[in-house]
Amino acid sequence: MMARDLNLRAAGWYRDKMGDLAAAEACLRASIRADAETLEAHEQLVEMLRMGGRNADLVPALRAWADADMDEVAKKDRLREASALAASAGDVDTASACLQKILDIDATDAEALDGLIDIRTTQEQWPDVVELLAKRIEGESDPTVRMGLRRRLAELFAGPLEDARRATSAYEELLDEEPSDLATIDALEKLYQADERWSALKQLLERRLDLADTTEDQISARVRMARLDEQAFGRRGDALEQLQGILEIDPAHGEALDEMERLLGLEERWQDVAEILERRAGSESNNERLVPLLTRLA
């Protein structure tokens, strides 16, 4: 204790009375060697190194101060600063180690989790990213932030990890949290289509139709539902009903008319096909589009 105190006093004299910063630093380090928990010596050493712009020496000094300090908030602040300095110097390992020590103190620290997630993403250490994102989601109370984190996790499964099952589960959890999110519905549609989960896909398309707030969106959903009814379930009658619903919205909708003509042809309802072609030809003024209609009608 005497060695600690005498070195601390000598450091002050060298620094303040004689302007000998090297000797002051040596005394501060000697004081810390005598007693690693002397916070005053750690604080003075860090301040001296910070003022001198000696970041390479500042990082280990901050980490040593964090080890000595019993205040958890102060510990995290020191480690956070050390991590940022190490990252700016390109020392990713040290930056990661500092963030991990913060998480050892407080496993829910959002800033440390975010920083470590970014580092592991850059390193493409995907299993670690998954684990960290799961912890981040668990501790997040803001619904908007949590939605963004869930989306990031789902995109990770769907992309780099190529895990369709877990991607589907993650997107379904996302949809449970925000049932009207169209981006999530888009992603799930592709996954259900690839996995041939036709019933689930039908429910998703019905949800999209309920959410549609424009004529264009309503028509798009009905076209896809009609194709699904015919191709996945073999229900041409249901498909024709969907197409009829489109034509009630837009009687001249070309894609719906083409599909209806095709399905009626498969049903050999030639009179109905002829009526559609006559109606389309009667309202068509462009000769390039009119000629094929008349050819099919003939």
Protein backbone atom coordinates (compact mmCIF):
# COMPACT_ATOMS: atom_id res chain seq x y z
CA MET A 1 0.00 0.00 0.00
CA MET A 2 2.89 2.32 0.73
CA ALA A 3 4.48 1.57 -2.62
CA ARG A 4 1.13 2.26 -4.30
CA ASP A 5 0.64 5.58 -2.53
CA LEU A 6 4.21 6.84 -2.90
CA ASN A 7 4.28 6.06 -6.63
CA LEU A 8 0.91 7.78 -7.07
CA ARG A 9 2.24 10.93 -5.30
CA ALA A 10 5.46 10.84 -7.29
CA ALA A 11 3.48 10.58 -10.53
CA GLY A 12 1.64 13.79 -9.63
CA TRP A 13 4.89 15.64 -8.92
CA TYR A 14 6.53 14.46 -12.16
CA ARG A 15 3.46 15.41 -14.17
CA ASP A 16 2.41 18.68 -12.53
CA LYS A 17 5.67 20.13 -11.13
CA MET A 18 8.32 18.86 -13.53
CA GLY A 19 6.40 18.18 -16.76
CA ASP A 20 8.09 14.78 -17.05
CA LEU A 21 5.25 12.69 -18.48
CA ALA A 22 7.40 9.59 -19.08
CA ALA A 23 8.43 9.47 -15.41
CA ALA A 24 4.84 10.15 -14.33
CA GLU A 25 3.63 7.25 -16.46
CA ALA A 26 6.31 4.94 -15.03
CA CYS A 27 5.21 5.83 -11.49
CA LEU A 28 1.54 5.25 -12.32
CA ARG A 29 2.34 1.85 -13.75
CA ALA A 30 4.41 1.05 -10.66
CA SER A 31 1.49 2.07 -8.47
CA ILE A 32 -0.80 -0.28 -10.42
CA ARG A 33 1.73 -3.13 -10.14
CA ALA A 34 1.74 -2.62 -6.37
CA ASP A 35 -2.05 -2.67 -6.22
CA ALA A 36 -3.98 -3.60 -9.39
CA GLU A 37 -7.21 -2.27 -7.86
CA THR A 38 -6.03 1.31 -7.32
CA LEU A 39 -8.65 3.10 -9.41
CA GLU A 40 -7.04 6.52 -9.05
CA ALA A 41 -3.83 5.32 -10.73
CA HIS A 42 -5.80 3.63 -13.53
CA GLU A 43 -7.82 6.79 -14.10
CA GLN A 44 -4.76 9.05 -14.23
CA LEU A 45 -2.91 6.67 -16.58
CA VAL A 46 -5.85 6.44 -18.96
CA GLU A 47 -6.28 10.22 -18.99
CA MET A 48 -2.57 10.71 -19.71
CA LEU A 49 -2.62 8.21 -22.57
CA ARG A 50 -5.86 9.68 -23.94
CA MET A 51 -4.45 13.21 -23.97
CA GLY A 52 -1.35 11.93 -25.75
CA GLY A 53 -3.43 10.21 -28.42
CA ARG A 54 -1.73 6.89 -27.66
CA ASN A 55 -4.63 4.66 -28.60
CA ALA A 56 -2.57 1.47 -28.89
CA ASP A 57 -1.54 1.83 -25.22
CA LEU A 58 -4.94 3.18 -24.20
CA VAL A 59 -6.81 -0.04 -25.12
CA PRO A 60 -5.00 -2.32 -22.59
CA ALA A 61 -5.09 0.45 -19.99
CA LEU A 62 -8.86 0.75 -20.32
CA ARG A 63 -9.25 -3.03 -20.09
CA ALA A 64 -7.08 -3.13 -16.94
CA TRP A 65 -9.14 -0.30 -15.40
CA ALA A 66 -12.34 -2.20 -16.22
CA ASP A 67 -10.97 -5.30 -14.51
CA ALA A 68 -10.20 -3.28 -11.37
CA ASP A 69 -13.47 -1.35 -11.19
CA MET A 70 -16.33 -2.96 -9.23
CA ASP A 71 -18.96 -0.63 -10.74
CA GLU A 72 -20.60 -2.60 -13.57
CA VAL A 73 -21.73 0.49 -15.45
CA ALA A 74 -18.19 1.91 -15.31
CA LYS A 75 -16.74 -1.46 -16.35
CA LYS A 76 -18.95 -1.53 -19.43
CA ASP A 77 -18.06 2.06 -20.33
CA ARG A 78 -14.33 1.31 -20.21
CA LEU A 79 -14.72 -1.87 -22.27
CA ARG A 80 -16.94 -0.12 -24.79
CA GLU A 81 -14.35 2.59 -25.34
CA ALA A 82 -11.57 -0.01 -25.63
CA SER A 83 -13.61 -1.98 -28.17
CA ALA A 84 -14.25 1.10 -30.32
CA LEU A 85 -10.55 2.04 -30.28
CA ALA A 86 -9.48 -1.50 -31.17
CA ALA A 87 -12.02 -1.70 -33.99
CA SER A 88 -10.85 1.63 -35.44
CA ALA A 89 -7.29 0.24 -35.43
CA GLY A 90 -8.43 -2.92 -37.24
CA ASP A 91 -7.90 -5.18 -34.22
CA VAL A 92 -11.13 -7.13 -34.54
CA ASP A 93 -10.15 -9.83 -32.05
CA THR A 94 -9.56 -7.34 -29.25
CA ALA A 95 -12.73 -5.42 -30.13
CA SER A 96 -14.70 -8.69 -29.99
CA ALA A 97 -13.11 -9.71 -26.69
CA CYS A 98 -14.09 -6.39 -25.10
CA LEU A 99 -17.68 -6.71 -26.28
CA GLN A 100 -17.84 -10.28 -25.03
CA LYS A 101 -16.66 -9.16 -21.58
CA ILE A 102 -19.50 -6.62 -21.55
CA LEU A 103 -21.92 -9.47 -22.30
CA ASP A 104 -20.36 -11.54 -19.51
CA ILE A 105 -21.35 -8.67 -17.19
CA ASP A 106 -24.74 -7.99 -18.80
CA ALA A 107 -25.99 -10.57 -21.31
CA THR A 108 -28.75 -8.22 -22.52
CA ASP A 109 -26.56 -5.20 -23.35
CA ALA A 110 -28.04 -4.17 -26.71
CA GLU A 111 -25.10 -2.05 -27.84
CA ALA A 112 -22.58 -4.82 -27.20
CA LEU A 113 -24.79 -7.39 -28.91
CA ASP A 114 -25.22 -5.14 -31.94
CA GLY A 115 -21.49 -4.53 -32.16
CA LEU A 116 -20.66 -8.23 -31.90
CA ILE A 117 -23.35 -9.11 -34.43
CA ASP A 118 -21.79 -6.67 -36.91
CA ILE A 119 -18.32 -8.13 -36.36
CA ARG A 120 -19.46 -11.75 -36.71
CA THR A 121 -21.48 -10.83 -39.82
CA THR A 122 -18.37 -9.31 -41.42
CA GLN A 123 -16.49 -12.49 -40.51
CA GLU A 124 -19.38 -14.59 -41.91
CA GLN A 125 -19.56 -16.58 -38.69
CA TRP A 126 -23.25 -17.29 -39.25
CA PRO A 127 -23.97 -19.66 -36.32
CA ASP A 128 -22.63 -17.01 -33.93
CA VAL A 129 -24.76 -14.36 -35.63
CA VAL A 130 -27.86 -16.53 -35.23
CA GLU A 131 -27.18 -17.02 -31.51
CA LEU A 132 -26.50 -13.33 -30.94
CA LEU A 133 -29.58 -12.22 -32.86
CA ALA A 134 -31.75 -14.60 -30.84
CA LYS A 135 -30.42 -13.03 -27.62
CA ARG A 136 -30.93 -9.55 -29.03
CA ILE A 137 -34.55 -10.30 -29.98
CA GLU A 138 -35.27 -11.81 -26.57
CA GLY A 139 -34.15 -8.68 -24.75
CA GLU A 140 -35.70 -6.07 -27.10
CA SER A 141 -38.92 -4.38 -25.93
CA ASP A 142 -39.41 -1.95 -28.84
CA PRO A 143 -41.75 -3.69 -31.36
CA THR A 144 -40.29 -1.85 -34.36
CA VAL A 145 -36.70 -2.73 -33.47
CA ARG A 146 -37.69 -6.32 -32.68
CA MET A 147 -39.37 -6.62 -36.08
CA GLY A 148 -36.18 -5.49 -37.80
CA LEU A 149 -34.13 -8.01 -35.83
CA ARG A 150 -36.54 -10.84 -36.62
CA ARG A 151 -36.38 -9.95 -40.30
CA ARG A 152 -32.60 -9.96 -40.20
CA LEU A 153 -32.64 -13.42 -38.61
CA ALA A 154 -35.11 -14.76 -41.17
CA GLU A 155 -33.06 -13.35 -44.06
CA LEU A 156 -29.97 -15.00 -42.59
CA PHE A 157 -31.67 -18.42 -42.63
CA ALA A 158 -33.05 -17.84 -46.14
CA GLY A 159 -29.75 -16.50 -47.49
CA PRO A 160 -26.27 -17.49 -46.25
CA LEU A 161 -27.42 -20.48 -44.19
CA GLU A 162 -29.84 -21.77 -46.87
CA ASP A 163 -32.06 -23.25 -44.16
CA ALA A 164 -35.57 -23.04 -45.63
CA ARG A 165 -37.22 -24.70 -42.63
CA ARG A 166 -35.83 -22.26 -40.09
CA ALA A 167 -36.35 -19.35 -42.49
CA THR A 168 -40.01 -20.29 -42.79
CA SER A 169 -40.36 -20.53 -39.01
CA ALA A 170 -38.66 -17.16 -38.53
CA TYR A 171 -40.87 -15.44 -41.11
CA GLU A 172 -43.99 -17.02 -39.56
CA GLU A 173 -43.00 -15.60 -36.16
CA LEU A 174 -42.48 -12.25 -37.86
CA LEU A 175 -45.95 -12.46 -39.41
CA ASP A 176 -47.47 -13.37 -36.04
CA GLU A 177 -46.01 -10.17 -34.65
CA GLU A 178 -47.09 -8.01 -37.61
CA PRO A 179 -49.89 -9.76 -39.58
CA SER A 180 -50.10 -7.07 -42.25
CA ASP A 181 -46.41 -6.91 -43.22
CA LEU A 182 -46.33 -7.38 -46.99
CA ALA A 183 -42.56 -7.96 -47.20
CA THR A 184 -42.95 -10.94 -44.86
CA ILE A 185 -45.87 -12.25 -46.88
CA ASP A 186 -43.75 -11.97 -50.06
CA ALA A 187 -40.94 -13.99 -48.47
CA LEU A 188 -43.28 -16.66 -47.10
CA GLU A 189 -45.05 -17.06 -50.44
CA LYS A 190 -41.74 -17.99 -52.09
CA LEU A 191 -40.89 -20.45 -49.32
CA TYR A 192 -44.34 -22.08 -49.38
CA GLN A 193 -44.19 -22.30 -53.17
CA ALA A 194 -40.77 -23.97 -53.10
CA ASP A 195 -41.92 -26.41 -50.39
CA GLU A 196 -45.26 -27.06 -52.18
CA ARG A 197 -47.24 -26.10 -49.09
CA TRP A 198 -50.28 -25.25 -51.16
CA SER A 199 -52.84 -24.88 -48.36
CA ALA A 200 -50.59 -22.52 -46.43
CA LEU A 201 -49.93 -20.58 -49.64
CA LYS A 202 -53.68 -20.29 -50.29
CA GLN A 203 -54.24 -18.85 -46.81
CA LEU A 204 -51.42 -16.39 -47.37
CA LEU A 205 -52.91 -15.25 -50.68
CA GLU A 206 -56.31 -14.82 -49.02
CA ARG A 207 -54.61 -12.67 -46.38
CA ARG A 208 -52.97 -10.62 -49.13
CA LEU A 209 -56.37 -10.14 -50.78
CA ASP A 210 -57.87 -8.94 -47.49
CA LEU A 211 -54.99 -6.47 -47.08
CA ALA A 212 -55.13 -5.17 -50.66
CA ASP A 213 -55.99 -1.47 -50.67
CA THR A 214 -55.69 -0.87 -54.42
CA THR A 215 -57.45 -2.42 -57.41
CA GLU A 216 -54.11 -3.50 -58.81
CA ASP A 217 -53.22 -5.38 -55.60
CA GLN A 218 -56.62 -7.09 -55.49
CA ILE A 219 -56.29 -8.24 -59.09
CA SER A 220 -52.73 -9.49 -58.57
CA ALA A 221 -53.80 -11.59 -55.57
CA ARG A 222 -56.80 -13.05 -57.41
CA VAL A 223 -54.71 -14.00 -60.46
CA ARG A 224 -52.29 -15.94 -58.25
CA MET A 225 -55.13 -17.58 -56.34
CA ALA A 226 -56.75 -18.66 -59.62
CA ARG A 227 -53.51 -20.28 -60.81
CA LEU A 228 -53.06 -21.99 -57.45
CA ASP A 229 -56.63 -23.33 -57.48
CA GLU A 230 -56.10 -24.84 -60.91
CA GLN A 231 -52.48 -25.99 -60.82
CA ALA A 232 -52.12 -27.14 -57.19
CA PHE A 233 -55.65 -28.25 -56.33
CA GLY A 234 -57.09 -29.00 -59.78
CA ARG A 235 -60.13 -26.88 -59.00
CA ARG A 236 -60.87 -25.11 -62.28
CA GLY A 237 -64.28 -23.98 -61.07
CA ASP A 238 -62.74 -22.09 -58.13
CA ALA A 239 -60.11 -20.66 -60.48
CA LEU A 240 -62.83 -19.40 -62.84
CA GLU A 241 -64.62 -17.77 -59.90
CA GLN A 242 -61.45 -15.89 -59.00
CA LEU A 243 -61.04 -14.75 -62.59
CA GLN A 244 -64.65 -13.66 -62.72
CA GLY A 245 -64.01 -11.57 -59.62
CA ILE A 246 -61.17 -9.84 -61.45
CA LEU A 247 -63.37 -9.09 -64.47
CA GLU A 248 -65.98 -7.55 -62.19
CA ILE A 249 -63.26 -5.12 -61.10
CA ASP A 250 -61.74 -4.65 -64.56
CA PRO A 251 -63.79 -6.13 -67.44
CA ALA A 252 -60.93 -5.60 -69.89
CA HIS A 253 -58.13 -7.13 -67.81
CA GLY A 254 -56.04 -8.96 -70.41
CA GLU A 255 -54.32 -11.50 -68.16
CA ALA A 256 -57.60 -12.53 -66.51
CA LEU A 257 -59.29 -12.87 -69.90
CA ASP A 258 -56.39 -14.97 -71.22
CA GLU A 259 -56.57 -17.29 -68.21
CA MET A 260 -60.35 -17.55 -68.40
CA GLU A 261 -60.16 -18.38 -72.11
CA ARG A 262 -57.57 -21.07 -71.40
CA LEU A 263 -59.52 -22.65 -68.54
CA LEU A 264 -62.82 -22.61 -70.45
CA GLY A 265 -61.02 -24.29 -73.32
CA LEU A 266 -59.77 -27.04 -70.99
CA GLU A 267 -63.37 -27.48 -69.87
CA GLU A 268 -64.43 -27.55 -73.56
CA ARG A 269 -66.88 -24.73 -72.96
CA TRP A 270 -66.41 -23.45 -76.47
CA GLN A 271 -69.48 -21.21 -76.56
CA ASP A 272 -68.20 -19.33 -73.50
CA VAL A 273 -64.75 -19.05 -75.10
CA ALA A 274 -66.31 -17.63 -78.26
CA GLU A 275 -68.28 -15.05 -76.25
CA ILE A 276 -65.12 -13.89 -74.49
CA LEU A 277 -63.25 -13.59 -77.79
CA GLU A 278 -66.11 -11.70 -79.42
CA ARG A 279 -66.29 -9.28 -76.50
CA ARG A 280 -62.55 -8.72 -76.57
CA ALA A 281 -62.47 -8.27 -80.35
CA GLY A 282 -65.37 -5.82 -80.23
CA SER A 283 -63.55 -3.54 -77.81
CA GLU A 284 -60.07 -3.85 -79.39
CA SER A 285 -58.94 -0.95 -81.59
CA ASN A 286 -55.31 -2.00 -82.05
CA ASN A 287 -54.99 -4.14 -85.19
CA GLU A 288 -51.89 -5.97 -83.92
CA ARG A 289 -53.89 -7.24 -80.93
CA LEU A 290 -57.14 -7.62 -82.85
CA VAL A 291 -55.84 -10.05 -85.50
CA PRO A 292 -54.83 -12.82 -83.03
CA LEU A 293 -58.22 -12.51 -81.31
CA LEU A 294 -60.10 -12.91 -84.59
CA THR A 295 -57.83 -15.78 -85.58
CA ARG A 296 -58.62 -17.64 -82.37
CA LEU A 297 -62.30 -16.87 -82.72
CA ALA A 298 -62.31 -18.23 -86.32
